Amino acid sequence: MAYVIAEPCIGVKDRACVDACPVDCIYEGEDQLYINPEECIDCGACVDPCPVDAIFHEDELPEKWKWYKEKNAKFFEGKTGLSPAQGKGYK
């Protein structure tokens, strides 16, 4: 099980979730941030810091955003050597 970042993140990409993640499993894509489902430890530390309420446990995604689970997984398909997103403290 993992957490998924959904539509409210698009165009925002606030990195408060990145700073909160204890295992650095959040990556930056062109339009939003993504959580690597293979690295996520299902702790939920990223949920509360998100200012746009874009992060949901995969089993609790609102119906209208269920497809983000697949979008998230596809982001990581066939990619190796990705570096996790850097938090606000790294800019």
Protein backbone atom coordinates (compact mmCIF):
# COMPACT_ATOMS: atom_id res chain seq x y z
CA MET A 1 0.00 0.00 0.00
CA ALA A 2 1.10 3.55 -0.64
CA TYR A 3 -0.01 7.13 -0.74
CA VAL A 4 -0.89 8.88 -4.00
CA ILE A 5 -0.70 12.54 -4.97
CA ALA A 6 -3.78 13.64 -6.91
CA GLU A 7 -5.05 16.57 -8.98
CA PRO A 8 -4.76 19.41 -6.44
CA CYS A 9 -0.95 19.18 -6.77
CA ILE A 10 -0.96 19.94 -10.49
CA GLY A 11 0.75 23.24 -11.10
CA VAL A 12 1.38 23.74 -7.37
CA LYS A 13 4.12 21.25 -6.46
CA ASP A 14 4.53 22.65 -2.95
CA ARG A 15 7.32 20.65 -1.36
CA ALA A 16 6.10 20.58 2.25
CA CYS A 17 5.37 16.88 1.74
CA VAL A 18 8.94 16.29 0.59
CA ASP A 19 10.31 17.83 3.77
CA ALA A 20 8.01 15.59 5.86
CA CYS A 21 8.79 12.29 4.10
CA PRO A 22 11.19 10.20 6.19
CA VAL A 23 12.25 7.96 3.29
CA ASP A 24 12.60 10.45 0.39
CA CYS A 25 10.09 8.66 -1.84
CA ILE A 26 8.56 11.78 -3.46
CA TYR A 27 9.70 12.72 -6.94
CA GLU A 28 9.02 15.70 -9.18
CA GLY A 29 7.36 15.27 -12.55
CA GLU A 30 6.58 17.90 -15.13
CA ASP A 31 3.13 18.75 -13.78
CA GLN A 32 3.07 17.40 -10.22
CA LEU A 33 4.90 15.48 -7.50
CA TYR A 34 4.71 11.67 -7.35
CA ILE A 35 5.15 9.12 -4.57
CA ASN A 36 7.11 6.01 -5.50
CA PRO A 37 4.85 3.13 -4.41
CA GLU A 38 7.85 0.79 -4.06
CA GLU A 39 9.59 3.14 -1.61
CA CYS A 40 6.60 4.49 0.35
CA ILE A 41 6.45 3.02 3.87
CA ASP A 42 2.79 3.95 4.27
CA CYS A 43 3.47 6.26 7.23
CA GLY A 44 1.25 9.16 6.13
CA ALA A 45 3.74 11.83 7.24
CA CYS A 46 3.27 13.64 3.91
CA VAL A 47 -0.51 14.07 4.21
CA ASP A 48 -0.95 16.84 6.78
CA PRO A 49 1.80 19.17 5.49
CA CYS A 50 0.24 19.30 1.99
CA PRO A 51 -1.35 22.76 1.73
CA VAL A 52 -3.73 21.72 -1.08
CA ASP A 53 -4.89 18.38 0.38
CA ALA A 54 -3.63 16.43 -2.63
CA ILE A 55 -2.30 13.31 -0.87
CA PHE A 56 -4.47 10.29 -0.15
CA HIS A 57 -3.92 6.69 0.86
CA GLU A 58 -4.47 4.68 -2.32
CA ASP A 59 -7.55 3.02 -0.78
CA GLU A 60 -9.06 6.40 0.11
CA LEU A 61 -8.67 8.29 -3.17
CA PRO A 62 -11.87 10.16 -4.03
CA GLU A 63 -13.69 8.46 -6.91
CA LYS A 64 -12.98 11.34 -9.30
CA TRP A 65 -9.22 10.92 -8.71
CA LYS A 66 -8.93 7.12 -8.58
CA TRP A 67 -7.05 7.14 -11.90
CA TYR A 68 -4.16 9.01 -10.22
CA LYS A 69 -3.06 5.71 -8.68
CA GLU A 70 -2.36 4.43 -12.21
CA LYS A 71 -0.84 7.75 -13.33
CA ASN A 72 1.47 7.63 -10.32
CA ALA A 73 2.58 4.05 -11.02
CA LYS A 74 3.16 4.80 -14.72
CA PHE A 75 5.41 7.73 -13.84
CA PHE A 76 7.93 5.26 -12.39
CA GLU A 77 7.66 2.53 -15.07
CA GLY A 78 10.96 1.85 -16.78
CA LYS A 79 12.73 4.71 -15.03
CA THR A 80 15.93 4.12 -13.14
CA GLY A 81 18.28 6.50 -11.43
CA LEU A 82 15.64 9.07 -10.50
CA SER A 83 16.55 11.46 -7.71
CA PRO A 84 13.93 12.32 -5.09
CA ALA A 85 12.54 15.85 -5.11
CA GLN A 86 14.31 18.30 -2.88
CA GLY A 87 12.40 20.12 -0.19
CA LYS A 88 12.09 23.85 0.32
CA GLY A 89 15.18 23.85 2.50
CA TYR A 90 17.31 22.82 -0.49
CA LYS A 91 16.48 25.66 -2.85
